[in-house]
C-alpha atoms as a PDB file:
ATOM      1  CA  MET A   1     -45.863  -3.573  -1.089  1.00  0.00           C
ATOM      2  CA  LYS A   2     -44.387  -7.051  -1.652  1.00  0.00           C
ATOM      3  CA  LYS A   3     -42.411  -5.689  -4.639  1.00  0.00           C
ATOM      4  CA  ASN A   4     -40.924  -2.873  -2.492  1.00  0.00           C
ATOM      5  CA  ILE A   5     -39.846  -5.338   0.191  1.00  0.00           C
ATOM      6  CA  ILE A   6     -38.152  -7.565  -2.401  1.00  0.00           C
ATOM      7  CA  GLN A   7     -36.345  -4.560  -3.939  1.00  0.00           C
ATOM      8  CA  LEU A   8     -35.238  -3.392  -0.499  1.00  0.00           C
ATOM      9  CA  PHE A   9     -33.974  -6.886   0.377  1.00  0.00           C
ATOM     10  CA  LEU A  10     -32.068  -7.205  -2.932  1.00  0.00           C
ATOM     11  CA  GLY A  11     -30.544  -3.753  -2.410  1.00  0.00           C
ATOM     12  CA  PHE A  12     -29.421  -4.750   1.076  1.00  0.00           C
ATOM     13  CA  LEU A  13     -27.822  -7.950  -0.268  1.00  0.00           C
ATOM     14  CA  LEU A  14     -26.011  -6.021  -2.993  1.00  0.00           C
ATOM     15  CA  ILE A  15     -24.629  -3.432  -0.563  1.00  0.00           C
ATOM     16  CA  ASN A  16     -23.632  -6.118   1.936  1.00  0.00           C
ATOM     17  CA  SER A  17     -21.861  -8.242  -0.680  1.00  0.00           C
ATOM     18  CA  CYS A  18     -19.949  -5.223  -2.010  1.00  0.00           C
ATOM     19  CA  SER A  19     -18.769  -4.229   1.444  1.00  0.00           C
ATOM     20  CA  ASN A  20     -17.354  -7.711   2.122  1.00  0.00           C
ATOM     21  CA  ASN A  21     -15.177  -7.872  -1.016  1.00  0.00           C
ATOM     22  CA  ASN A  22     -12.083  -6.754   0.854  1.00  0.00           C
ATOM     23  CA  SER A  23      -9.858  -9.051   2.805  1.00  0.00           C
ATOM     24  CA  PHE A  24      -8.395  -6.114   4.733  1.00  0.00           C
ATOM     25  CA  GLU A  25      -9.445  -3.039   6.664  1.00  0.00           C
ATOM     26  CA  GLU A  26      -6.458  -0.887   5.681  1.00  0.00           C
ATOM     27  CA  PHE A  27      -3.376  -1.434   3.552  1.00  0.00           C
ATOM     28  CA  ASP A  28      -0.549   0.692   2.235  1.00  0.00           C
ATOM     29  CA  ILE A  29       3.006   0.182   1.108  1.00  0.00           C
ATOM     30  CA  THR A  30       5.956   2.520   0.643  1.00  0.00           C
ATOM     31  CA  TYR A  31       8.926   1.429  -1.435  1.00  0.00           C
ATOM     32  CA  SER A  32      12.139   2.802  -2.850  1.00  0.00           C
ATOM     33  CA  ASN A  33      14.949   1.541  -4.988  1.00  0.00           C
ATOM     34  CA  PHE A  34      16.907   4.669  -4.034  1.00  0.00           C
ATOM     35  CA  PHE A  35      17.637   6.025  -7.510  1.00  0.00           C
ATOM     36  CA  GLN A  36      14.497   5.536  -9.593  1.00  0.00           C
ATOM     37  CA  ALA A  37      11.398   5.469  -7.432  1.00  0.00           C
ATOM     38  CA  HIS A  38      10.176   6.398  -3.986  1.00  0.00           C
ATOM     39  CA  ASN A  39       6.421   5.908  -3.844  1.00  0.00           C
ATOM     40  CA  SER A  40       3.587   5.004  -1.532  1.00  0.00           C
ATOM     41  CA  ILE A  41       0.465   3.104  -2.550  1.00  0.00           C
ATOM     42  CA  LYS A  42      -2.729   3.044  -0.506  1.00  0.00           C
ATOM     43  CA  LEU A  43      -5.436   0.552  -1.368  1.00  0.00           C
ATOM     44  CA  THR A  44      -9.016   1.513  -0.611  1.00  0.00           C
ATOM     45  CA  LYS A  45     -12.096  -0.612  -0.122  1.00  0.00           C
ATOM     46  CA  SER A  46     -13.059   0.080  -3.732  1.00  0.00           C
ATOM     47  CA  ASP A  47     -11.097  -0.103  -6.981  1.00  0.00           C
ATOM     48  CA  THR A  48      -9.491   3.299  -6.323  1.00  0.00           C
ATOM     49  CA  VAL A  49      -5.819   3.355  -5.386  1.00  0.00           C
ATOM     50  CA  PHE A  50      -4.039   6.416  -4.028  1.00  0.00           C
ATOM     51  CA  ILE A  51      -0.389   6.960  -4.868  1.00  0.00           C
ATOM     52  CA  ARG A  52       2.085   9.390  -3.373  1.00  0.00           C
ATOM     53  CA  LYS A  53       5.244  10.030  -5.383  1.00  0.00           C
ATOM     54  CA  TYR A  54       8.169  11.591  -3.551  1.00  0.00           C
ATOM     55  CA  TYR A  55      10.564  13.897  -5.375  1.00  0.00           C
ATOM     56  CA  GLU A  56      13.810  15.732  -4.796  1.00  0.00           C
ATOM     57  CA  ASN A  57      14.760  19.003  -6.436  1.00  0.00           C
ATOM     58  CA  PHE A  58      17.658  20.686  -4.704  1.00  0.00           C
ATOM     59  CA  GLU A  59      17.126  23.908  -6.660  1.00  0.00           C
ATOM     60  CA  LEU A  60      13.916  24.533  -4.703  1.00  0.00           C
ATOM     61  CA  GLU A  61      13.616  26.158  -1.285  1.00  0.00           C
ATOM     62  CA  HIS A  62      12.059  22.905  -0.002  1.00  0.00           C
ATOM     63  CA  PRO A  63      13.920  20.232  -1.988  1.00  0.00           C
ATOM     64  CA  TYR A  64      11.833  17.266  -0.802  1.00  0.00           C
ATOM     65  CA  TYR A  65       8.193  17.257  -1.819  1.00  0.00           C
ATOM     66  CA  HIS A  66       5.465  14.878  -2.957  1.00  0.00           C
ATOM     67  CA  GLU A  67       2.513  14.752  -5.318  1.00  0.00           C
ATOM     68  CA  ASN A  68      -0.682  12.764  -4.737  1.00  0.00           C
ATOM     69  CA  TYR A  69      -2.416  10.766  -7.439  1.00  0.00           C
ATOM     70  CA  TYR A  70      -5.169   8.236  -7.830  1.00  0.00           C
ATOM     71  CA  THR A  71      -5.860   5.495 -10.339  1.00  0.00           C
ATOM     72  CA  ILE A  72      -8.392   2.723 -10.837  1.00  0.00           C
ATOM     73  CA  LEU A  73      -7.384  -0.926 -10.582  1.00  0.00           C
ATOM     74  CA  ASN A  74      -8.884  -3.343 -13.027  1.00  0.00           C
ATOM     75  CA  LYS A  75     -11.109  -6.077 -11.621  1.00  0.00           C
ATOM     76  CA  ASP A  76      -8.618  -8.933 -12.166  1.00  0.00           C
ATOM     77  CA  ASP A  77      -5.712  -7.177 -10.454  1.00  0.00           C
ATOM     78  CA  ARG A  78      -7.949  -6.122  -7.582  1.00  0.00           C
ATOM     79  CA  LYS A  79      -9.039  -9.727  -7.117  1.00  0.00           C
ATOM     80  CA  LYS A  80      -5.425 -11.033  -7.160  1.00  0.00           C
ATOM     81  CA  ILE A  81      -4.313  -8.442  -4.608  1.00  0.00           C
ATOM     82  CA  ASN A  82      -7.303  -9.162  -2.380  1.00  0.00           C
ATOM     83  CA  ASN A  83      -6.586 -12.898  -2.485  1.00  0.00           C
ATOM     84  CA  SER A  84      -2.937 -12.317  -1.587  1.00  0.00           C
ATOM     85  CA  LEU A  85      -3.877 -10.087   1.341  1.00  0.00           C
ATOM     86  CA  LYS A  86      -6.480 -12.582   2.502  1.00  0.00           C
ATOM     87  CA  ASN A  87      -3.860 -15.335   2.742  1.00  0.00           C
ATOM     88  CA  ILE A  88      -1.224 -13.359   4.646  1.00  0.00           C
ATOM     89  CA  LYS A  89      -0.883 -14.339   8.297  1.00  0.00           C
ATOM     90  CA  LEU A  90       0.496 -11.229   9.946  1.00  0.00           C
ATOM     91  CA  GLU A  91       1.419 -12.880  13.194  1.00  0.00           C
ATOM     92  CA  GLU A  92       3.972 -15.078  11.396  1.00  0.00           C
ATOM     93  CA  TYR A  93       6.180 -12.160  10.347  1.00  0.00           C
ATOM     94  CA  ASP A  94       8.775 -10.157  12.201  1.00  0.00           C
ATOM     95  CA  SER A  95       8.401  -6.386  12.145  1.00  0.00           C
ATOM     96  CA  THR A  96      11.787  -5.878  10.503  1.00  0.00           C
ATOM     97  CA  TYR A  97      13.926  -7.757   8.000  1.00  0.00           C
ATOM     98  CA  LEU A  98      17.208  -5.855   7.739  1.00  0.00           C
ATOM     99  CA  ASP A  99      20.502  -6.822   6.199  1.00  0.00           C
ATOM    100  CA  ASN A 100      23.188  -4.351   7.311  1.00  0.00           C
ATOM    101  CA  ASN A 101      25.469  -5.473   4.481  1.00  0.00           C
ATOM    102  CA  PHE A 102      22.851  -4.805   1.797  1.00  0.00           C
ATOM    103  CA  PHE A 103      23.507  -1.551  -0.090  1.00  0.00           C
ATOM    104  CA  ASP A 104      21.568   0.183  -2.838  1.00  0.00           C
ATOM    105  CA  GLY A 105      18.859  -2.451  -2.787  1.00  0.00           C
ATOM    106  CA  PHE A 106      15.102  -2.338  -2.734  1.00  0.00           C
ATOM    107  CA  ILE A 107      13.425  -1.280   0.511  1.00  0.00           C
ATOM    108  CA  TYR A 108       9.741  -1.437   1.343  1.00  0.00           C
ATOM    109  CA  LYS A 109       7.439  -1.123   4.282  1.00  0.00           C
ATOM    110  CA  LEU A 110       3.954  -2.638   4.450  1.00  0.00           C
ATOM    111  CA  TYR A 111       1.138  -1.561   6.727  1.00  0.00           C
ATOM    112  CA  LEU A 112      -1.794  -3.945   7.006  1.00  0.00           C
ATOM    113  CA  LYS A 113      -4.804  -3.982   9.251  1.00  0.00           C
ATOM    114  CA  LYS A 114      -7.104  -6.975   9.090  1.00  0.00           C
ATOM    115  CA  ASN A 115      -9.056  -9.065  11.557  1.00  0.00           C
ATOM    116  CA  ASN A 116      -8.417  -6.397  14.221  1.00  0.00           C
ATOM    117  CA  ILE A 117      -4.638  -6.889  13.908  1.00  0.00           C
ATOM    118  CA  GLU A 118      -2.368  -4.052  12.790  1.00  0.00           C
ATOM    119  CA  LYS A 119       1.151  -4.756  11.630  1.00  0.00           C
ATOM    120  CA  THR A 120       3.937  -2.868   9.921  1.00  0.00           C
ATOM    121  CA  VAL A 121       6.784  -4.797   8.314  1.00  0.00           C
ATOM    122  CA  LEU A 122       9.976  -3.159   7.048  1.00  0.00           C
ATOM    123  CA  VAL A 123      12.011  -5.161   4.500  1.00  0.00           C
ATOM    124  CA  TYR A 124      15.541  -4.305   3.403  1.00  0.00           C
ATOM    125  CA  SER A 125      17.235  -7.649   2.983  1.00  0.00           C
ATOM    126  CA  ARG A 126      18.206 -10.349   0.519  1.00  0.00           C
ATOM    127  CA  ASN A 127      16.513 -12.863   2.826  1.00  0.00           C
ATOM    128  CA  SER A 128      13.029 -11.404   2.913  1.00  0.00           C
ATOM    129  CA  PRO A 129       9.832 -13.460   3.103  1.00  0.00           C
ATOM    130  CA  GLU A 130       8.845 -14.628  -0.371  1.00  0.00           C
ATOM    131  CA  GLU A 131       5.132 -14.057   0.299  1.00  0.00           C
ATOM    132  CA  LEU A 132       5.736 -10.374   1.138  1.00  0.00           C
ATOM    133  CA  ASP A 133       8.053  -9.897  -1.851  1.00  0.00           C
ATOM    134  CA  SER A 134       5.436 -11.446  -4.165  1.00  0.00           C
ATOM    135  CA  LEU A 135       2.686  -9.229  -2.775  1.00  0.00           C
ATOM    136  CA  THR A 136       4.850  -6.127  -3.215  1.00  0.00           C
ATOM    137  CA  GLU A 137       5.713  -7.094  -6.783  1.00  0.00           C
ATOM    138  CA  LEU A 138       2.048  -7.800  -7.577  1.00  0.00           C
ATOM    139  CA  ILE A 139       0.889  -4.414  -6.284  1.00  0.00           C
ATOM    140  CA  ILE A 140       3.622  -2.418  -8.010  1.00  0.00           C
ATOM    141  CA  SER A 141       3.181  -4.228 -11.336  1.00  0.00           C
ATOM    142  CA  SER A 142      -0.608  -3.778 -11.123  1.00  0.00           C
ATOM    143  CA  ILE A 143      -0.383  -0.007 -11.046  1.00  0.00           C
ATOM    144  CA  GLU A 144       2.801   0.786 -12.974  1.00  0.00           C
ATOM    145  CA  ASN A 145       1.104   1.083 -16.376  1.00  0.00           C
ATOM    146  CA  LEU A 146      -2.149   2.688 -15.216  1.00  0.00           C
ATOM    147  CA  LYS A 147      -2.935   6.324 -15.921  1.00  0.00           C
ATOM    148  CA  LEU A 148      -2.390   8.452 -12.829  1.00  0.00           C
ATOM    149  CA  HIS A 149      -4.605  11.443 -12.065  1.00  0.00           C
ATOM    150  CA  LYS A 150      -3.426  14.237  -9.745  1.00  0.00           C
ATOM    151  CA  THR A 151      -5.565  14.740  -6.674  1.00  0.00           C
ATOM    152  CA  ASP A 152      -5.786  17.188  -3.796  1.00  0.00           C
ATOM    153  CA  LYS A 153      -7.463  14.564  -1.623  1.00  0.00           C
ATOM    154  CA  LYS A 154      -5.742  14.082   1.714  1.00  0.00           C
ATOM    155  CA  PHE A 155      -4.925  10.515   2.678  1.00  0.00           C
ATOM    156  CA  GLU A 156      -2.734   8.945   5.313  1.00  0.00           C
ATOM    157  CA  ILE A 157       0.132   6.607   4.483  1.00  0.00           C
ATOM    158  CA  LYS A 158       1.096   4.677   7.601  1.00  0.00           C
ATOM    159  CA  SER A 159       4.095   3.015   5.967  1.00  0.00           C
ATOM    160  CA  GLN A 160       5.760   6.133   4.569  1.00  0.00           C
ATOM    161  CA  ASP A 161       8.551   6.390   7.122  1.00  0.00           C
ATOM    162  CA  ILE A 162      10.914   3.851   5.543  1.00  0.00           C
ATOM    163  CA  PHE A 163      14.187   5.644   6.132  1.00  0.00           C
ATOM    164  CA  PRO A 164      15.486   6.082   9.665  1.00  0.00           C
ATOM    165  CA  GLU A 165      16.035   9.592  10.968  1.00  0.00           C
ATOM    166  CA  PRO A 166      19.677  10.681  10.741  1.00  0.00           C
ATOM    167  CA  GLU A 167      21.524  10.533  14.026  1.00  0.00           C
ATOM    168  CA  LYS A 168      21.709  13.876  15.779  1.00  0.00           C
ATOM    169  CA  ILE A 169      25.182  15.158  16.478  1.00  0.00           C
ATOM    170  CA  THR A 170      25.592  16.170  20.083  1.00  0.00           C
ATOM    171  CA  GLU A 171      28.556  17.725  21.766  1.00  0.00           C
END
């Protein structure tokens, strides 16, 4: 009986410690450099990362489409990303960093939910916050050489709308 109680207690500690390894509740990022990549990355509460790659093929009936993938982050990269997310103070950032004179640059949008605060930040500027740029670079570099596996799993990307809707022409 005493042995069963100890095993149950140790199991509870293990499960509890695993569930508290994340410094965030939800996180995803969508980025584009306009001519080479347009992707979204969704971190999960485990080492699994979901990736959505957006494509254009104007020979198709529906020229804009996407494919979903997943990959597994290594332990060191996961730890670095978690530490970066833990240190970000959402309330210190504006929701938008835009430079209207910035063309053909790198654009990204972060969605982060932690400590009951949700925030989306769009960045398309030469004067973007260094902490957000470093986080973006860390996440992209952590997954760029990992093997991607196609998946049919449905997942939501809250940052995917990085380009404004075209203005409607009215007469």
